[in-house]
Amino acid sequence: MIYRTRAPRPEISQFIETLWFYEDLDVGHTKEKLLPDASMELIIDLSEGPKKLYDNRNVDRYTEFNQCWVSGFQRQYIVLGVQRGASMMGAHFRTGGAAPFFNFPISELAGTVVELDLIWKREILALREQLLEAPTPDQKFDLLESFLIAKAKSRLEADHTISAALGMLNSWPVLPLKDLASRLGLTHKQMLSRFDCRVGVTPKVASRIFRFQKAVGATAKMEAPPDWSDLAVNCGYYDQSHMIHEFQELAGLTPTEYMRGRSPLPLYVVLD
C-alpha cells in the first residue's frame, strides 16, 4: 500500500488542510464508521467500481457513488464501505474552507454526500482521467491543486469574521451566540447567514462538533479508561451524562464503546 499526503500551495492552504492519496488499500474489513469532524472532504476514486455509503440505521441498505464525490459537513457519523486494493485521492477542507470552490451556500451540502459531476459536470470527470494517467503521486497532487485553484478563481479570500467566530466556538467556555455576534459586529441574523454560506451549519452545531472532537481526541490518546466525569468537564460538557448522550448521538457509541473499537485513526471505527 502507498499512502501520501501533501500540504497545499499557499494560495489555498487557508482553505484546505491537506491533499491525500492512497493506492492498493490494505485492509481486513469492509465497513467502517467515520465520525464527524467539522470538515468537508473531496474524494476522487482512482479504482474501478462503485463505492458504498451505508444507511446508519440499517447497514443492509446503501447508496453507491461513482468516480468523484464530496462529503459535506456531517452532523453525525456515516458508515463507509471499504474495498481492499482501492485507490483514491482527495482534499480535506478546513472548517469553513470549502466555500470558495462552490458557487452556492455550503449548507446545501451539509449532511449529504453528492457526486461531483452533478456540480462540476464534465470538468471533474476530465480531471479524473488526467489523474489516472499521471504516473506519480506528486504529479497527481499538482493536477488536483491546479484544478482547485482554477475552480475558486477570484474567491480565494478568507472570511476573517467567520475565522474569528470559529476560533471562539472552538474555545471553552463558549460564548452565548448573541454575545458572539456582538463581538463580531454582526446581528444574530447576519451571523447565521454567514455560517450558512461559509460553514454549512449553525454556530451551535459547529460548537457541538468541536466539543465532541476534543473528547474523541482526548480519549484516543488514552491507554486506560479515564475518569469520565473529569474528561467530560475538561472537554466542555456539563457532566458525564451529557458527554455520553452526545457520543451516542454523534458516534452511535458510548465513550467506553468508542475506546474499545477505536482504530489507529481516531475518527474511524471498524465495524466488521
Protein backbone atom coordinates (compact mmCIF):
# COMPACT_ATOMS: atom_id res chain seq x y z
CA MET A 1 0.00 0.00 0.00
CA ILE A 2 1.15 3.55 -0.82
CA TYR A 3 -0.13 6.45 1.29
CA ARG A 4 0.96 10.05 0.73
CA THR A 5 -0.16 13.48 1.90
CA ARG A 6 0.91 16.94 0.83
CA ALA A 7 0.36 20.40 2.24
CA PRO A 8 -1.45 22.53 -0.36
CA ARG A 9 0.09 25.56 -2.03
CA PRO A 10 -0.06 28.83 -0.06
CA GLU A 11 -2.93 30.32 -2.06
CA ILE A 12 -5.28 27.55 -0.93
CA SER A 13 -3.68 26.44 2.35
CA GLN A 14 -6.03 28.59 4.44
CA PHE A 15 -8.96 26.67 2.93
CA ILE A 16 -7.56 23.15 2.51
CA GLU A 17 -5.72 21.38 5.32
CA THR A 18 -4.18 18.57 3.30
CA LEU A 19 -4.21 16.73 -0.01
CA TRP A 20 -4.05 12.94 0.25
CA PHE A 21 -3.53 9.90 -1.95
CA TYR A 22 -3.51 6.16 -1.41
CA GLU A 23 -3.07 3.16 -3.68
CA ASP A 24 -3.71 -0.56 -3.14
CA LEU A 25 -5.54 -0.10 0.17
CA ASP A 26 -4.57 -2.86 2.58
CA VAL A 27 -7.45 -3.53 4.98
CA GLY A 28 -9.11 -6.54 6.56
CA HIS A 29 -12.61 -5.11 6.95
CA THR A 30 -15.43 -4.00 4.66
CA LYS A 31 -17.25 -1.34 6.73
CA GLU A 32 -16.06 1.48 8.94
CA LYS A 33 -17.71 4.29 10.83
CA LEU A 34 -16.39 7.82 10.16
CA LEU A 35 -17.08 10.25 13.00
CA PRO A 36 -17.91 13.93 12.36
CA ASP A 37 -15.01 16.37 12.47
CA ALA A 38 -16.47 19.71 11.29
CA SER A 39 -14.84 19.46 7.86
CA MET A 40 -15.69 18.59 4.27
CA GLU A 41 -13.96 16.10 2.01
CA LEU A 42 -13.47 15.90 -1.75
CA ILE A 43 -12.88 12.33 -2.96
CA ILE A 44 -11.77 11.09 -6.39
CA ASP A 45 -11.89 7.34 -6.86
CA LEU A 46 -8.97 6.10 -8.94
CA SER A 47 -10.11 2.48 -8.87
CA GLU A 48 -12.99 0.78 -10.64
CA GLY A 49 -16.50 0.02 -9.45
CA PRO A 50 -18.95 1.93 -7.25
CA LYS A 51 -18.27 2.60 -3.57
CA LYS A 52 -20.90 2.21 -0.86
CA LEU A 53 -22.29 4.57 1.76
CA TYR A 54 -24.46 2.63 4.20
CA ASP A 55 -27.65 3.68 5.95
CA ASN A 56 -26.83 4.45 9.59
CA ARG A 57 -29.98 2.74 10.84
CA ASN A 58 -29.83 -0.29 8.55
CA VAL A 59 -26.46 -1.36 7.16
CA ASP A 60 -28.17 -3.78 4.79
CA ARG A 61 -29.13 -0.67 2.79
CA TYR A 62 -26.65 1.51 0.95
CA THR A 63 -26.17 4.14 -1.76
CA GLU A 64 -23.50 3.75 -4.41
CA PHE A 65 -21.14 6.52 -5.51
CA ASN A 66 -19.03 6.57 -8.63
CA GLN A 67 -15.75 8.24 -9.58
CA CYS A 68 -15.92 11.60 -7.72
CA TRP A 69 -17.93 12.94 -4.81
CA VAL A 70 -17.95 15.48 -1.99
CA SER A 71 -18.92 14.82 1.62
CA GLY A 72 -20.47 17.86 3.29
CA PHE A 73 -20.27 18.93 6.93
CA GLN A 74 -21.64 15.83 8.71
CA ARG A 75 -23.75 16.29 11.83
CA GLN A 76 -23.25 12.67 12.89
CA TYR A 77 -21.28 9.58 11.87
CA ILE A 78 -21.50 7.94 8.46
CA VAL A 79 -20.82 4.28 7.56
CA LEU A 80 -18.45 3.74 4.66
CA GLY A 81 -17.84 0.69 2.56
CA VAL A 82 -14.15 -0.23 2.28
CA GLN A 83 -12.59 -2.16 -0.62
CA ARG A 84 -9.27 -3.92 -0.36
CA GLY A 85 -7.00 -2.75 -3.18
CA ALA A 86 -8.85 0.53 -3.75
CA SER A 87 -7.03 3.71 -4.82
CA MET A 88 -8.29 7.23 -4.11
CA MET A 89 -7.17 10.80 -3.65
CA GLY A 90 -8.76 13.95 -2.39
CA ALA A 91 -8.70 17.19 -0.44
CA HIS A 92 -9.52 17.66 3.24
CA PHE A 93 -11.07 21.11 3.66
CA ARG A 94 -10.69 23.14 6.82
CA THR A 95 -13.85 24.05 8.69
CA GLY A 96 -15.47 26.76 6.57
CA GLY A 97 -12.84 26.28 3.87
CA ALA A 98 -14.85 24.71 1.05
CA ALA A 99 -16.95 27.78 0.21
CA PRO A 100 -14.62 29.40 -2.37
CA PHE A 101 -14.75 26.28 -4.53
CA PHE A 102 -18.54 26.16 -4.87
CA ASN A 103 -20.95 28.75 -6.26
CA PHE A 104 -23.72 28.22 -3.72
CA PRO A 105 -24.18 28.22 0.08
CA ILE A 106 -22.23 25.35 1.61
CA SER A 107 -25.28 24.50 3.73
CA GLU A 108 -26.70 22.80 0.62
CA LEU A 109 -24.08 20.07 1.08
CA ALA A 110 -24.39 19.69 4.87
CA GLY A 111 -25.28 16.18 6.00
CA THR A 112 -25.01 14.81 2.45
CA VAL A 113 -22.63 13.07 0.08
CA VAL A 114 -23.02 14.26 -3.52
CA GLU A 115 -21.47 13.02 -6.75
CA LEU A 116 -19.35 15.87 -8.10
CA ASP A 117 -20.34 15.54 -11.74
CA LEU A 118 -23.74 16.87 -10.65
CA ILE A 119 -21.98 20.09 -9.59
CA TRP A 120 -18.87 20.41 -11.77
CA LYS A 121 -20.16 18.46 -14.79
CA ARG A 122 -17.57 17.09 -17.20
CA GLU A 123 -14.73 19.12 -15.67
CA ILE A 124 -14.29 16.80 -12.70
CA LEU A 125 -14.52 13.67 -14.85
CA ALA A 126 -11.85 15.07 -17.17
CA LEU A 127 -9.65 15.74 -14.13
CA ARG A 128 -10.10 12.15 -13.01
CA GLU A 129 -8.90 10.91 -16.40
CA GLN A 130 -5.81 13.12 -16.11
CA LEU A 131 -5.14 11.82 -12.60
CA LEU A 132 -5.35 8.23 -13.82
CA GLU A 133 -2.76 8.98 -16.50
CA ALA A 134 -0.35 10.87 -14.20
CA PRO A 135 2.45 8.42 -13.27
CA THR A 136 3.46 9.74 -9.83
CA PRO A 137 1.67 10.96 -6.69
CA ASP A 138 3.37 14.37 -6.96
CA GLN A 139 2.08 14.85 -10.49
CA LYS A 140 -1.39 13.87 -9.32
CA PHE A 141 -1.19 16.41 -6.48
CA ASP A 142 -0.09 19.10 -8.96
CA LEU A 143 -3.11 18.40 -11.16
CA LEU A 144 -5.57 18.45 -8.28
CA GLU A 145 -4.12 21.68 -6.87
CA SER A 146 -4.26 23.44 -10.23
CA PHE A 147 -7.86 22.34 -10.74
CA LEU A 148 -8.96 23.62 -7.32
CA ILE A 149 -7.18 26.96 -7.73
CA ALA A 150 -8.84 27.45 -11.11
CA LYS A 151 -12.21 26.43 -9.68
CA ALA A 152 -12.02 29.05 -6.92
CA LYS A 153 -10.89 31.76 -9.38
CA SER A 154 -11.09 35.15 -7.63
CA ARG A 155 -12.79 33.87 -4.46
CA LEU A 156 -9.61 32.89 -2.61
CA GLU A 157 -10.12 35.43 0.14
CA ALA A 158 -10.82 34.26 3.67
CA ASP A 159 -13.80 35.49 5.64
CA HIS A 160 -11.92 36.69 8.71
CA THR A 161 -15.14 37.21 10.64
CA ILE A 162 -16.02 33.54 10.24
CA SER A 163 -12.45 32.52 11.11
CA ALA A 164 -12.68 34.55 14.34
CA ALA A 165 -16.09 33.06 15.13
CA LEU A 166 -14.83 29.50 14.63
CA GLY A 167 -11.87 30.21 16.90
CA MET A 168 -14.20 31.42 19.66
CA LEU A 169 -16.52 28.45 19.22
CA ASN A 170 -13.57 26.08 19.47
CA SER A 171 -12.57 27.51 22.86
CA TRP A 172 -14.06 26.98 26.27
CA PRO A 173 -16.19 28.40 27.72
CA VAL A 174 -18.19 29.08 24.57
CA LEU A 175 -19.83 32.47 24.34
CA PRO A 176 -23.63 32.67 24.06
CA LEU A 177 -24.46 33.18 20.39
CA LYS A 178 -25.81 36.71 20.90
CA ASP A 179 -22.58 37.71 22.65
CA LEU A 180 -20.57 36.05 19.90
CA ALA A 181 -22.43 38.01 17.21
CA SER A 182 -21.97 41.24 19.16
CA ARG A 183 -18.20 40.70 19.45
CA LEU A 184 -18.03 40.15 15.70
CA GLY A 185 -20.02 43.30 14.95
CA LEU A 186 -22.89 41.32 13.45
CA THR A 187 -26.55 40.85 14.19
CA HIS A 188 -27.61 37.32 15.11
CA LYS A 189 -29.30 37.01 11.71
CA GLN A 190 -26.18 38.17 9.86
CA MET A 191 -24.04 35.66 11.72
CA LEU A 192 -26.39 32.80 10.86
CA SER A 193 -26.34 33.86 7.20
CA ARG A 194 -22.52 33.93 7.13
CA PHE A 195 -22.34 30.47 8.68
CA ASP A 196 -24.92 29.15 6.22
CA CYS A 197 -22.81 30.29 3.29
CA ARG A 198 -19.32 29.52 4.57
CA VAL A 199 -19.55 26.72 7.15
CA GLY A 200 -22.76 24.95 6.21
CA VAL A 201 -24.27 24.63 9.69
CA THR A 202 -25.28 26.94 12.51
CA PRO A 203 -22.74 28.14 15.11
CA LYS A 204 -24.48 25.91 17.66
CA VAL A 205 -23.93 22.77 15.56
CA ALA A 206 -20.31 23.72 14.82
CA SER A 207 -19.64 24.25 18.53
CA ARG A 208 -21.19 20.88 19.32
CA ILE A 209 -18.92 19.08 16.84
CA PHE A 210 -15.82 20.94 18.09
CA ARG A 211 -16.57 19.83 21.65
CA PHE A 212 -17.12 16.25 20.52
CA GLN A 213 -13.81 16.30 18.66
CA LYS A 214 -11.99 17.38 21.82
CA ALA A 215 -13.46 14.41 23.68
CA VAL A 216 -12.61 12.00 20.85
CA GLY A 217 -9.05 13.35 20.61
CA ALA A 218 -8.51 13.03 24.35
CA THR A 219 -9.97 9.52 24.52
CA ALA A 220 -7.98 8.31 21.51
CA LYS A 221 -4.68 9.03 23.30
CA MET A 222 -5.52 7.12 26.49
CA GLU A 223 -4.40 3.56 27.14
CA ALA A 224 -6.64 3.02 30.18
CA PRO A 225 -10.20 4.24 30.78
CA PRO A 226 -10.06 7.76 32.24
CA ASP A 227 -12.17 9.40 34.90
CA TRP A 228 -15.08 10.08 32.57
CA SER A 229 -16.54 12.82 34.77
CA ASP A 230 -13.29 14.80 34.69
CA LEU A 231 -12.89 14.26 30.96
CA ALA A 232 -16.44 15.47 30.34
CA VAL A 233 -15.93 18.71 32.24
CA ASN A 234 -12.50 19.33 30.67
CA CYS A 235 -13.99 18.97 27.19
CA GLY A 236 -16.82 21.40 27.88
CA TYR A 237 -19.72 19.11 28.78
CA TYR A 238 -22.00 19.79 31.72
CA ASP A 239 -21.34 16.35 33.17
CA GLN A 240 -20.63 12.72 32.26
CA SER A 241 -24.24 12.02 31.27
CA HIS A 242 -24.17 14.93 28.84
CA MET A 243 -21.00 13.59 27.20
CA ILE A 244 -22.38 10.05 26.93
CA HIS A 245 -25.55 11.38 25.30
CA GLU A 246 -23.52 13.37 22.77
CA PHE A 247 -21.34 10.37 21.91
CA GLN A 248 -24.43 8.26 21.32
CA GLU A 249 -25.99 10.96 19.13
CA LEU A 250 -22.89 11.79 17.10
CA ALA A 251 -20.97 8.49 17.05
CA GLY A 252 -23.64 5.89 17.74
CA LEU A 253 -21.38 4.70 20.59
CA THR A 254 -20.78 5.41 24.25
CA PRO A 255 -17.31 6.75 25.12
CA THR A 256 -16.39 3.33 26.52
CA GLU A 257 -17.53 1.58 23.33
CA TYR A 258 -15.54 4.07 21.26
CA MET A 259 -12.43 3.39 23.32
CA ARG A 260 -12.80 -0.37 22.74
CA GLY A 261 -13.42 -0.06 19.00
CA ARG A 262 -11.12 2.81 18.06
CA SER A 263 -8.56 2.38 15.30
CA PRO A 264 -5.13 3.99 14.86
CA LEU A 265 -7.02 6.78 13.07
CA PRO A 266 -9.16 8.38 15.82
CA LEU A 267 -12.08 9.28 13.56
CA TYR A 268 -12.53 5.74 12.24
CA VAL A 269 -14.18 2.79 13.98
CA VAL A 270 -14.01 -0.62 12.27
CA LEU A 271 -17.39 -2.35 12.11
CA ASP A 272 -16.55 -5.86 10.88
